[in-house]
């Protein structure tokens, strides 16, 4: 999985229900603590009940305060934790199938970086015409030629042959080419009104399905770093780089067959990502 490197150019809904909790009380004659049963006055019982209620109210208030941030009038969370979603809605516009029109703020820069990672890490990059369309859509005009030549060098005929594709980036008959980038999270490392640097932690899928494939679909983990400039058309890419990881330990899920993977790729579409 490669998005290019710096040198080469490269609603929210909740579900819930109403439940009932049944508590089995001890028999009146039983002693759950092993000692003699003692009577309590009604006033002491009342104080105990009031104390429990106060503690419950305090616990609920604390949980709500730390549960992902408050919301402003427009529904945007104002103090979300770094690892939680901001609540900002995805953009509605796109160019060439790539989301555009991200906000001129840190959240907008992160959303742009995540969606640009998906586009620059897609199977479309293996077709020359589609690759040029993608890069032209996401690149800063001043960096377009440099980025385009860098990505053209990355996705060379030699690479196509190595992974089993034809010169146009197509898979052999009876096979499906899989190449997807799935952002896991984003982080701003520098920000200003004119430029931002964002890191996108990604999981990638790449390979060929098919019984005769010698390049089966595998997953990888990497962090994509992108420098963005603010232009009259919104956030645009000026530089990219990539490094491996962070990589979690593989689970014990059984490996799916080629047909199942091919069917999943055809049936499951992608997303528009927003911080």
C-alpha atoms as a PDB file:
ATOM      1  CA  UNK A   1       0.000   0.000   0.000  1.00  0.00           C
ATOM      2  CA  UNK A   2       1.562   3.297  -1.053  1.00  0.00           C
ATOM      3  CA  UNK A   3       0.270   6.830  -1.221  1.00  0.00           C
ATOM      4  CA  UNK A   4       3.524   8.162  -2.554  1.00  0.00           C
ATOM      5  CA  UNK A   5       6.356   9.628  -0.526  1.00  0.00           C
ATOM      6  CA  UNK A   6       7.697  13.076   0.101  1.00  0.00           C
ATOM      7  CA  UNK A   7      10.610  12.678  -2.251  1.00  0.00           C
ATOM      8  CA  UNK A   8       8.714  11.331  -5.217  1.00  0.00           C
ATOM      9  CA  UNK A   9       5.558  13.398  -4.649  1.00  0.00           C
ATOM     10  CA  UNK A  10       3.844  11.454  -4.184  1.00  0.00           C
ATOM     11  CA  UNK A  11     -25.490  10.927  11.634  1.00  0.00           C
ATOM     12  CA  UNK A  12     -25.203  10.265  14.229  1.00  0.00           C
ATOM     13  CA  UNK A  13     -27.699   7.911  15.912  1.00  0.00           C
ATOM     14  CA  UNK A  14     -28.057   6.052  19.143  1.00  0.00           C
ATOM     15  CA  UNK A  15     -30.144   3.050  20.023  1.00  0.00           C
ATOM     16  CA  UNK A  16     -31.387   2.167  23.394  1.00  0.00           C
ATOM     17  CA  UNK A  17     -34.156   0.370  25.179  1.00  0.00           C
ATOM     18  CA  UNK A  18     -35.929   0.189  28.463  1.00  0.00           C
ATOM     19  CA  UNK A  19     -34.796  -2.634  30.698  1.00  0.00           C
ATOM     20  CA  UNK A  20     -35.819  -3.963  34.058  1.00  0.00           C
ATOM     21  CA  UNK A  21     -33.492  -5.048  36.830  1.00  0.00           C
ATOM     22  CA  UNK A  22     -34.719  -7.554  39.363  1.00  0.00           C
ATOM     23  CA  UNK A  23     -32.939  -7.843  42.680  1.00  0.00           C
ATOM     24  CA  UNK A  24     -33.399 -10.871  44.890  1.00  0.00           C
ATOM     25  CA  UNK A  25     -33.544  -9.791  48.508  1.00  0.00           C
ATOM     26  CA  UNK A  26     -32.368 -12.058  51.340  1.00  0.00           C
ATOM     27  CA  UNK A  27     -34.950 -13.785  53.510  1.00  0.00           C
ATOM     28  CA  UNK A  28     -35.955 -11.729  56.494  1.00  0.00           C
ATOM     29  CA  UNK A  29     -34.495 -14.290  58.828  1.00  0.00           C
ATOM     30  CA  UNK A  30     -31.183 -14.482  57.006  1.00  0.00           C
ATOM     31  CA  UNK A  31     -28.068 -12.551  58.017  1.00  0.00           C
ATOM     32  CA  UNK A  32     -26.017 -11.689  54.911  1.00  0.00           C
ATOM     33  CA  UNK A  33     -23.046 -10.405  56.942  1.00  0.00           C
ATOM     34  CA  UNK A  34     -22.930 -13.152  59.548  1.00  0.00           C
ATOM     35  CA  UNK A  35     -23.904 -10.927  62.488  1.00  0.00           C
ATOM     36  CA  UNK A  36     -27.047 -10.110  64.431  1.00  0.00           C
ATOM     37  CA  UNK A  37     -29.720  -8.098  62.666  1.00  0.00           C
ATOM     38  CA  UNK A  38     -30.089  -4.587  63.962  1.00  0.00           C
ATOM     39  CA  UNK A  39     -33.020  -2.294  63.609  1.00  0.00           C
ATOM     40  CA  UNK A  40     -32.685   1.190  62.102  1.00  0.00           C
ATOM     41  CA  UNK A  41     -34.707   4.263  62.752  1.00  0.00           C
ATOM     42  CA  UNK A  42     -36.733   5.785  59.947  1.00  0.00           C
ATOM     43  CA  UNK A  43     -34.741   9.044  60.071  1.00  0.00           C
ATOM     44  CA  UNK A  44     -31.438   7.226  59.578  1.00  0.00           C
ATOM     45  CA  UNK A  45     -32.899   5.320  56.618  1.00  0.00           C
ATOM     46  CA  UNK A  46     -34.073   8.580  55.069  1.00  0.00           C
ATOM     47  CA  UNK A  47     -30.590  10.099  55.376  1.00  0.00           C
ATOM     48  CA  UNK A  48     -29.096   7.019  53.717  1.00  0.00           C
ATOM     49  CA  UNK A  49     -31.546   7.198  50.783  1.00  0.00           C
ATOM     50  CA  UNK A  50     -30.893  10.908  50.266  1.00  0.00           C
ATOM     51  CA  UNK A  51     -27.141  10.271  50.295  1.00  0.00           C
ATOM     52  CA  UNK A  52     -27.420   7.577  47.638  1.00  0.00           C
ATOM     53  CA  UNK A  53     -29.533   9.824  45.406  1.00  0.00           C
ATOM     54  CA  UNK A  54     -27.012  12.681  45.687  1.00  0.00           C
ATOM     55  CA  UNK A  55     -24.152  10.344  44.725  1.00  0.00           C
ATOM     56  CA  UNK A  56     -26.083   9.048  41.711  1.00  0.00           C
ATOM     57  CA  UNK A  57     -26.817  12.580  40.490  1.00  0.00           C
ATOM     58  CA  UNK A  58     -23.156  13.547  40.868  1.00  0.00           C
ATOM     59  CA  UNK A  59     -22.018  10.421  38.972  1.00  0.00           C
ATOM     60  CA  UNK A  60     -24.425  11.091  36.092  1.00  0.00           C
ATOM     61  CA  UNK A  61     -23.306  14.728  35.850  1.00  0.00           C
ATOM     62  CA  UNK A  62     -19.645  13.686  35.787  1.00  0.00           C
ATOM     63  CA  UNK A  63     -20.274  11.068  33.088  1.00  0.00           C
ATOM     64  CA  UNK A  64     -22.128  13.549  30.896  1.00  0.00           C
ATOM     65  CA  UNK A  65     -19.362  16.107  31.280  1.00  0.00           C
ATOM     66  CA  UNK A  66     -16.697  13.682  30.074  1.00  0.00           C
ATOM     67  CA  UNK A  67     -18.695  11.831  27.468  1.00  0.00           C
ATOM     68  CA  UNK A  68     -17.386  13.352  24.259  1.00  0.00           C
ATOM     69  CA  UNK A  69     -17.900  17.093  24.538  1.00  0.00           C
ATOM     70  CA  UNK A  70     -20.708  19.563  24.592  1.00  0.00           C
ATOM     71  CA  UNK A  71     -22.616  20.738  21.573  1.00  0.00           C
ATOM     72  CA  UNK A  72     -23.052  24.215  20.173  1.00  0.00           C
ATOM     73  CA  UNK A  73     -26.216  25.536  18.569  1.00  0.00           C
ATOM     74  CA  UNK A  74     -25.273  24.105  15.169  1.00  0.00           C
ATOM     75  CA  UNK A  75     -24.672  20.630  16.585  1.00  0.00           C
ATOM     76  CA  UNK A  76     -20.871  20.829  16.501  1.00  0.00           C
ATOM     77  CA  UNK A  77     -19.124  19.426  19.549  1.00  0.00           C
ATOM     78  CA  UNK A  78     -16.884  22.039  21.057  1.00  0.00           C
ATOM     79  CA  UNK A  79     -14.620  20.064  23.381  1.00  0.00           C
ATOM     80  CA  UNK A  80     -14.471  16.520  21.991  1.00  0.00           C
ATOM     81  CA  UNK A  81     -11.667  14.306  23.186  1.00  0.00           C
ATOM     82  CA  UNK A  82      -8.818  13.726  20.678  1.00  0.00           C
ATOM     83  CA  UNK A  83      -9.871  10.151  19.963  1.00  0.00           C
ATOM     84  CA  UNK A  84     -13.592  10.826  19.607  1.00  0.00           C
ATOM     85  CA  UNK A  85     -15.492  11.973  16.543  1.00  0.00           C
ATOM     86  CA  UNK A  86     -16.173  15.709  16.471  1.00  0.00           C
ATOM     87  CA  UNK A  87     -19.761  15.386  15.330  1.00  0.00           C
ATOM     88  CA  UNK A  88     -19.180  17.598  12.276  1.00  0.00           C
ATOM     89  CA  UNK A  89     -21.221  16.390   9.323  1.00  0.00           C
ATOM     90  CA  UNK A  90     -19.441  15.220   6.151  1.00  0.00           C
ATOM     91  CA  UNK A  91     -19.421  17.634   3.233  1.00  0.00           C
ATOM     92  CA  UNK A  92     -22.075  17.279   0.547  1.00  0.00           C
ATOM     93  CA  UNK A  93     -20.063  18.397  -2.489  1.00  0.00           C
ATOM     94  CA  UNK A  94     -17.483  16.458  -4.493  1.00  0.00           C
ATOM     95  CA  UNK A  95     -15.247  16.762  -7.530  1.00  0.00           C
ATOM     96  CA  UNK A  96     -14.499  13.703  -9.605  1.00  0.00           C
ATOM     97  CA  UNK A  97     -16.060  11.518  -6.916  1.00  0.00           C
ATOM     98  CA  UNK A  98     -13.772  12.969  -4.206  1.00  0.00           C
ATOM     99  CA  UNK A  99     -15.360  14.941  -1.329  1.00  0.00           C
ATOM    100  CA  UNK A 100     -14.489  18.669  -1.346  1.00  0.00           C
ATOM    101  CA  UNK A 101     -15.498  21.854   0.422  1.00  0.00           C
ATOM    102  CA  UNK A 102     -14.035  21.117   3.869  1.00  0.00           C
ATOM    103  CA  UNK A 103     -14.158  23.802   6.536  1.00  0.00           C
ATOM    104  CA  UNK A 104     -11.357  26.312   6.958  1.00  0.00           C
ATOM    105  CA  UNK A 105     -10.345  25.052  10.405  1.00  0.00           C
ATOM    106  CA  UNK A 106      -8.455  22.169  12.019  1.00  0.00           C
ATOM    107  CA  UNK A 107     -11.376  19.763  11.742  1.00  0.00           C
ATOM    108  CA  UNK A 108     -11.764  20.635   8.066  1.00  0.00           C
ATOM    109  CA  UNK A 109      -8.065  19.976   7.458  1.00  0.00           C
ATOM    110  CA  UNK A 110      -8.311  16.573   9.158  1.00  0.00           C
ATOM    111  CA  UNK A 111     -11.412  15.642   7.163  1.00  0.00           C
ATOM    112  CA  UNK A 112      -9.710  16.695   3.935  1.00  0.00           C
ATOM    113  CA  UNK A 113      -6.600  14.668   4.770  1.00  0.00           C
ATOM    114  CA  UNK A 114      -8.620  11.525   5.541  1.00  0.00           C
ATOM    115  CA  UNK A 115     -10.619  11.726   2.321  1.00  0.00           C
ATOM    116  CA  UNK A 116      -7.564  12.548   0.219  1.00  0.00           C
ATOM    117  CA  UNK A 117      -5.823   9.498   1.728  1.00  0.00           C
ATOM    118  CA  UNK A 118      -8.719   7.335   0.517  1.00  0.00           C
ATOM    119  CA  UNK A 119      -8.511   8.787  -2.999  1.00  0.00           C
ATOM    120  CA  UNK A 120      -4.729   8.622  -3.293  1.00  0.00           C
ATOM    121  CA  UNK A 121      -4.763   5.111  -1.853  1.00  0.00           C
ATOM    122  CA  UNK A 122      -7.416   3.705  -4.184  1.00  0.00           C
ATOM    123  CA  UNK A 123      -7.267   1.326  -7.136  1.00  0.00           C
ATOM    124  CA  UNK A 124      -7.919   4.302  -9.424  1.00  0.00           C
ATOM    125  CA  UNK A 125      -4.306   5.335  -8.984  1.00  0.00           C
ATOM    126  CA  UNK A 126      -3.253   2.357 -11.129  1.00  0.00           C
ATOM    127  CA  UNK A 127      -5.000   3.755 -14.213  1.00  0.00           C
ATOM    128  CA  UNK A 128      -3.187   6.699 -15.775  1.00  0.00           C
ATOM    129  CA  UNK A 129      -6.244   8.749 -16.743  1.00  0.00           C
ATOM    130  CA  UNK A 130      -7.982   8.224 -13.415  1.00  0.00           C
ATOM    131  CA  UNK A 131      -4.749   8.890 -11.496  1.00  0.00           C
ATOM    132  CA  UNK A 132      -4.302  12.227 -13.226  1.00  0.00           C
ATOM    133  CA  UNK A 133      -7.909  13.132 -12.435  1.00  0.00           C
ATOM    134  CA  UNK A 134      -7.468  12.257  -8.748  1.00  0.00           C
ATOM    135  CA  UNK A 135      -4.201  14.152  -8.349  1.00  0.00           C
ATOM    136  CA  UNK A 136      -5.549  17.184 -10.202  1.00  0.00           C
ATOM    137  CA  UNK A 137      -8.542  17.255  -7.845  1.00  0.00           C
ATOM    138  CA  UNK A 138      -6.604  17.080  -4.565  1.00  0.00           C
ATOM    139  CA  UNK A 139      -3.333  18.858  -5.429  1.00  0.00           C
ATOM    140  CA  UNK A 140      -2.427  22.479  -4.834  1.00  0.00           C
ATOM    141  CA  UNK A 141      -2.095  24.042  -8.315  1.00  0.00           C
ATOM    142  CA  UNK A 142       1.456  25.147  -7.522  1.00  0.00           C
ATOM    143  CA  UNK A 143       2.427  21.571  -6.629  1.00  0.00           C
ATOM    144  CA  UNK A 144       0.384  19.736  -9.274  1.00  0.00           C
ATOM    145  CA  UNK A 145       3.144  19.027 -11.812  1.00  0.00           C
ATOM    146  CA  UNK A 146       5.584  17.821  -9.160  1.00  0.00           C
ATOM    147  CA  UNK A 147       3.030  15.570  -7.484  1.00  0.00           C
ATOM    148  CA  UNK A 148       1.775  14.233 -10.797  1.00  0.00           C
ATOM    149  CA  UNK A 149       5.219  13.255 -12.028  1.00  0.00           C
ATOM    150  CA  UNK A 150       6.028  11.678  -8.673  1.00  0.00           C
ATOM    151  CA  UNK A 151       2.907   9.513  -8.646  1.00  0.00           C
ATOM    152  CA  UNK A 152       3.410   8.578 -12.306  1.00  0.00           C
ATOM    153  CA  UNK A 153       6.855   7.292 -11.374  1.00  0.00           C
ATOM    154  CA  UNK A 154       5.445   5.357  -8.398  1.00  0.00           C
ATOM    155  CA  UNK A 155       2.735   3.630 -10.440  1.00  0.00           C
ATOM    156  CA  UNK A 156       5.020   2.481 -13.208  1.00  0.00           C
ATOM    157  CA  UNK A 157       4.476  -0.316 -15.763  1.00  0.00           C
ATOM    158  CA  UNK A 158       6.999  -2.323 -13.776  1.00  0.00           C
ATOM    159  CA  UNK A 159       4.824  -2.113 -10.668  1.00  0.00           C
ATOM    160  CA  UNK A 160       1.742  -3.159 -12.650  1.00  0.00           C
ATOM    161  CA  UNK A 161       3.519  -6.238 -13.955  1.00  0.00           C
ATOM    162  CA  UNK A 162       4.902  -7.105 -10.527  1.00  0.00           C
ATOM    163  CA  UNK A 163       1.475  -7.266  -8.903  1.00  0.00           C
ATOM    164  CA  UNK A 164      -0.201  -8.987 -11.859  1.00  0.00           C
ATOM    165  CA  UNK A 165      -2.049  -6.111 -13.572  1.00  0.00           C
ATOM    166  CA  UNK A 166      -2.044  -5.116 -17.228  1.00  0.00           C
ATOM    167  CA  UNK A 167      -0.628  -1.793 -18.423  1.00  0.00           C
ATOM    168  CA  UNK A 168      -3.983  -0.075 -17.829  1.00  0.00           C
ATOM    169  CA  UNK A 169      -4.133  -1.259 -14.221  1.00  0.00           C
ATOM    170  CA  UNK A 170      -6.709  -3.959 -14.915  1.00  0.00           C
ATOM    171  CA  UNK A 171      -6.892  -7.362 -13.239  1.00  0.00           C
ATOM    172  CA  UNK A 172      -6.617 -10.644 -15.155  1.00  0.00           C
ATOM    173  CA  UNK A 173      -9.813 -12.337 -16.246  1.00  0.00           C
ATOM    174  CA  UNK A 174     -11.510 -14.069 -13.340  1.00  0.00           C
ATOM    175  CA  UNK A 175      -9.734 -11.921 -10.740  1.00  0.00           C
ATOM    176  CA  UNK A 176     -10.617  -8.771  -8.789  1.00  0.00           C
ATOM    177  CA  UNK A 177      -7.993  -6.191  -7.886  1.00  0.00           C
ATOM    178  CA  UNK A 178      -8.351  -4.923  -4.314  1.00  0.00           C
ATOM    179  CA  UNK A 179      -6.674  -1.686  -3.234  1.00  0.00           C
ATOM    180  CA  UNK A 180      -8.307   0.363  -0.502  1.00  0.00           C
ATOM    181  CA  UNK A 181      -7.200   2.756   2.199  1.00  0.00           C
ATOM    182  CA  UNK A 182      -9.261   2.917   5.406  1.00  0.00           C
ATOM    183  CA  UNK A 183      -8.480   5.849   7.740  1.00  0.00           C
ATOM    184  CA  UNK A 184      -8.581   4.962  11.430  1.00  0.00           C
ATOM    185  CA  UNK A 185      -7.851   8.404  12.876  1.00  0.00           C
ATOM    186  CA  UNK A 186      -6.247  11.776  12.212  1.00  0.00           C
ATOM    187  CA  UNK A 187      -3.939  14.144  14.080  1.00  0.00           C
ATOM    188  CA  UNK A 188      -2.912  17.728  13.341  1.00  0.00           C
ATOM    189  CA  UNK A 189       0.826  18.249  13.874  1.00  0.00           C
ATOM    190  CA  UNK A 190       0.868  21.885  12.756  1.00  0.00           C
ATOM    191  CA  UNK A 191      -1.837  24.352  11.821  1.00  0.00           C
ATOM    192  CA  UNK A 192      -2.196  27.887  10.530  1.00  0.00           C
ATOM    193  CA  UNK A 193      -4.813  29.696   8.427  1.00  0.00           C
ATOM    194  CA  UNK A 194      -2.760  29.136   5.259  1.00  0.00           C
ATOM    195  CA  UNK A 195      -1.336  25.649   5.803  1.00  0.00           C
ATOM    196  CA  UNK A 196      -1.683  22.513   7.917  1.00  0.00           C
ATOM    197  CA  UNK A 197       0.141  19.229   8.391  1.00  0.00           C
ATOM    198  CA  UNK A 198      -2.021  16.232   9.229  1.00  0.00           C
ATOM    199  CA  UNK A 199      -1.180  12.611   9.979  1.00  0.00           C
ATOM    200  CA  UNK A 200      -3.687   9.912   9.009  1.00  0.00           C
ATOM    201  CA  UNK A 201      -3.407   6.470  10.597  1.00  0.00           C
ATOM    202  CA  UNK A 202      -4.612   3.944   8.021  1.00  0.00           C
ATOM    203  CA  UNK A 203      -5.358   0.303   7.407  1.00  0.00           C
ATOM    204  CA  UNK A 204      -4.818  -0.794   3.813  1.00  0.00           C
ATOM    205  CA  UNK A 205      -6.046  -3.720   1.717  1.00  0.00           C
ATOM    206  CA  UNK A 206      -4.211  -4.780  -1.424  1.00  0.00           C
ATOM    207  CA  UNK A 207      -3.924  -7.826  -3.677  1.00  0.00           C
ATOM    208  CA  UNK A 208      -5.679  -9.952  -6.258  1.00  0.00           C
ATOM    209  CA  UNK A 209      -8.504 -12.382  -5.698  1.00  0.00           C
ATOM    210  CA  UNK A 210      -8.763 -15.530  -7.794  1.00  0.00           C
ATOM    211  CA  UNK A 211      -7.794 -19.161  -7.401  1.00  0.00           C
ATOM    212  CA  UNK A 212      -4.624 -18.708  -9.465  1.00  0.00           C
ATOM    213  CA  UNK A 213      -3.533 -15.453  -7.782  1.00  0.00           C
ATOM    214  CA  UNK A 214       0.022 -15.378  -6.480  1.00  0.00           C
ATOM    215  CA  UNK A 215      -0.651 -12.005  -4.813  1.00  0.00           C
ATOM    216  CA  UNK A 216      -3.498 -12.662  -2.350  1.00  0.00           C
ATOM    217  CA  UNK A 217      -5.289  -9.798  -0.604  1.00  0.00           C
ATOM    218  CA  UNK A 218      -3.416  -8.755   2.536  1.00  0.00           C
ATOM    219  CA  UNK A 219      -3.769  -5.932   5.040  1.00  0.00           C
ATOM    220  CA  UNK A 220      -1.193  -3.392   6.160  1.00  0.00           C
ATOM    221  CA  UNK A 221      -0.968  -0.523   8.629  1.00  0.00           C
ATOM    222  CA  UNK A 222       0.701   2.797   7.943  1.00  0.00           C
ATOM    223  CA  UNK A 223       0.631   6.500   8.774  1.00  0.00           C
ATOM    224  CA  UNK A 224       0.230   8.968   5.941  1.00  0.00           C
ATOM    225  CA  UNK A 225       1.457  12.526   6.510  1.00  0.00           C
ATOM    226  CA  UNK A 226       0.137  15.266   4.254  1.00  0.00           C
ATOM    227  CA  UNK A 227       0.844  18.982   4.030  1.00  0.00           C
ATOM    228  CA  UNK A 228      -2.166  21.022   2.961  1.00  0.00           C
ATOM    229  CA  UNK A 229      -2.460  24.590   1.715  1.00  0.00           C
ATOM    230  CA  UNK A 230      -5.619  26.660   1.954  1.00  0.00           C
ATOM    231  CA  UNK A 231      -6.598  27.875  -1.537  1.00  0.00           C
ATOM    232  CA  UNK A 232      -9.658  29.502  -3.053  1.00  0.00           C
ATOM    233  CA  UNK A 233     -10.901  25.957  -3.711  1.00  0.00           C
ATOM    234  CA  UNK A 234     -10.305  24.778  -0.145  1.00  0.00           C
ATOM    235  CA  UNK A 235      -7.639  22.506   1.319  1.00  0.00           C
ATOM    236  CA  UNK A 236      -5.208  21.094  -1.268  1.00  0.00           C
ATOM    237  CA  UNK A 237      -2.202  18.765  -1.077  1.00  0.00           C
ATOM    238  CA  UNK A 238       1.368  20.023  -1.437  1.00  0.00           C
ATOM    239  CA  UNK A 239       3.433  17.169   0.060  1.00  0.00           C
ATOM    240  CA  UNK A 240       2.909  13.566   1.150  1.00  0.00           C
ATOM    241  CA  UNK A 241       4.978  10.978   2.957  1.00  0.00           C
ATOM    242  CA  UNK A 242       4.337   7.580   4.514  1.00  0.00           C
ATOM    243  CA  UNK A 243       5.729   5.308   7.226  1.00  0.00           C
ATOM    244  CA  UNK A 244       4.777   1.870   8.515  1.00  0.00           C
ATOM    245  CA  UNK A 245       2.573   1.382  11.586  1.00  0.00           C
ATOM    246  CA  UNK A 246       1.384   1.625  14.237  1.00  0.00           C
ATOM    247  CA  UNK A 247       0.499  -2.030  13.646  1.00  0.00           C
ATOM    248  CA  UNK A 248      -1.729  -3.982  16.062  1.00  0.00           C
ATOM    249  CA  UNK A 249      -1.381  -7.685  16.775  1.00  0.00           C
ATOM    250  CA  UNK A 250      -3.298  -9.784  14.239  1.00  0.00           C
ATOM    251  CA  UNK A 251      -6.471 -11.395  15.549  1.00  0.00           C
ATOM    252  CA  UNK A 252      -7.503 -15.005  15.303  1.00  0.00           C
ATOM    253  CA  UNK A 253     -10.161 -14.484  12.634  1.00  0.00           C
ATOM    254  CA  UNK A 254     -10.173 -17.259  10.017  1.00  0.00           C
ATOM    255  CA  UNK A 255      -8.940 -16.180   6.592  1.00  0.00           C
ATOM    256  CA  UNK A 256     -11.756 -15.738   4.058  1.00  0.00           C
ATOM    257  CA  UNK A 257     -11.700 -17.405   0.674  1.00  0.00           C
ATOM    258  CA  UNK A 258     -10.999 -15.594  -2.569  1.00  0.00           C
ATOM    259  CA  UNK A 259     -14.654 -15.602  -3.665  1.00  0.00           C
ATOM    260  CA  UNK A 260     -15.812 -14.105  -0.377  1.00  0.00           C
ATOM    261  CA  UNK A 261     -13.266 -11.292  -0.575  1.00  0.00           C
ATOM    262  CA  UNK A 262     -14.143 -10.553  -4.200  1.00  0.00           C
ATOM    263  CA  UNK A 263     -17.853 -10.423  -3.375  1.00  0.00           C
ATOM    264  CA  UNK A 264     -17.243  -8.114  -0.405  1.00  0.00           C
ATOM    265  CA  UNK A 265     -15.249  -5.674  -2.526  1.00  0.00           C
ATOM    266  CA  UNK A 266     -18.051  -5.534  -5.083  1.00  0.00           C
ATOM    267  CA  UNK A 267     -20.862  -5.175  -2.538  1.00  0.00           C
ATOM    268  CA  UNK A 268     -19.395  -2.866   0.122  1.00  0.00           C
ATOM    269  CA  UNK A 269     -18.851   0.760  -0.831  1.00  0.00           C
ATOM    270  CA  UNK A 270     -16.668   3.361   0.838  1.00  0.00           C
ATOM    271  CA  UNK A 271     -17.393   6.364   3.042  1.00  0.00           C
ATOM    272  CA  UNK A 272     -16.943  10.094   3.173  1.00  0.00           C
ATOM    273  CA  UNK A 273     -14.787  10.699   6.240  1.00  0.00           C
ATOM    274  CA  UNK A 274     -15.210  13.644   8.610  1.00  0.00           C
ATOM    275  CA  UNK A 275     -13.415  14.467  11.840  1.00  0.00           C
END
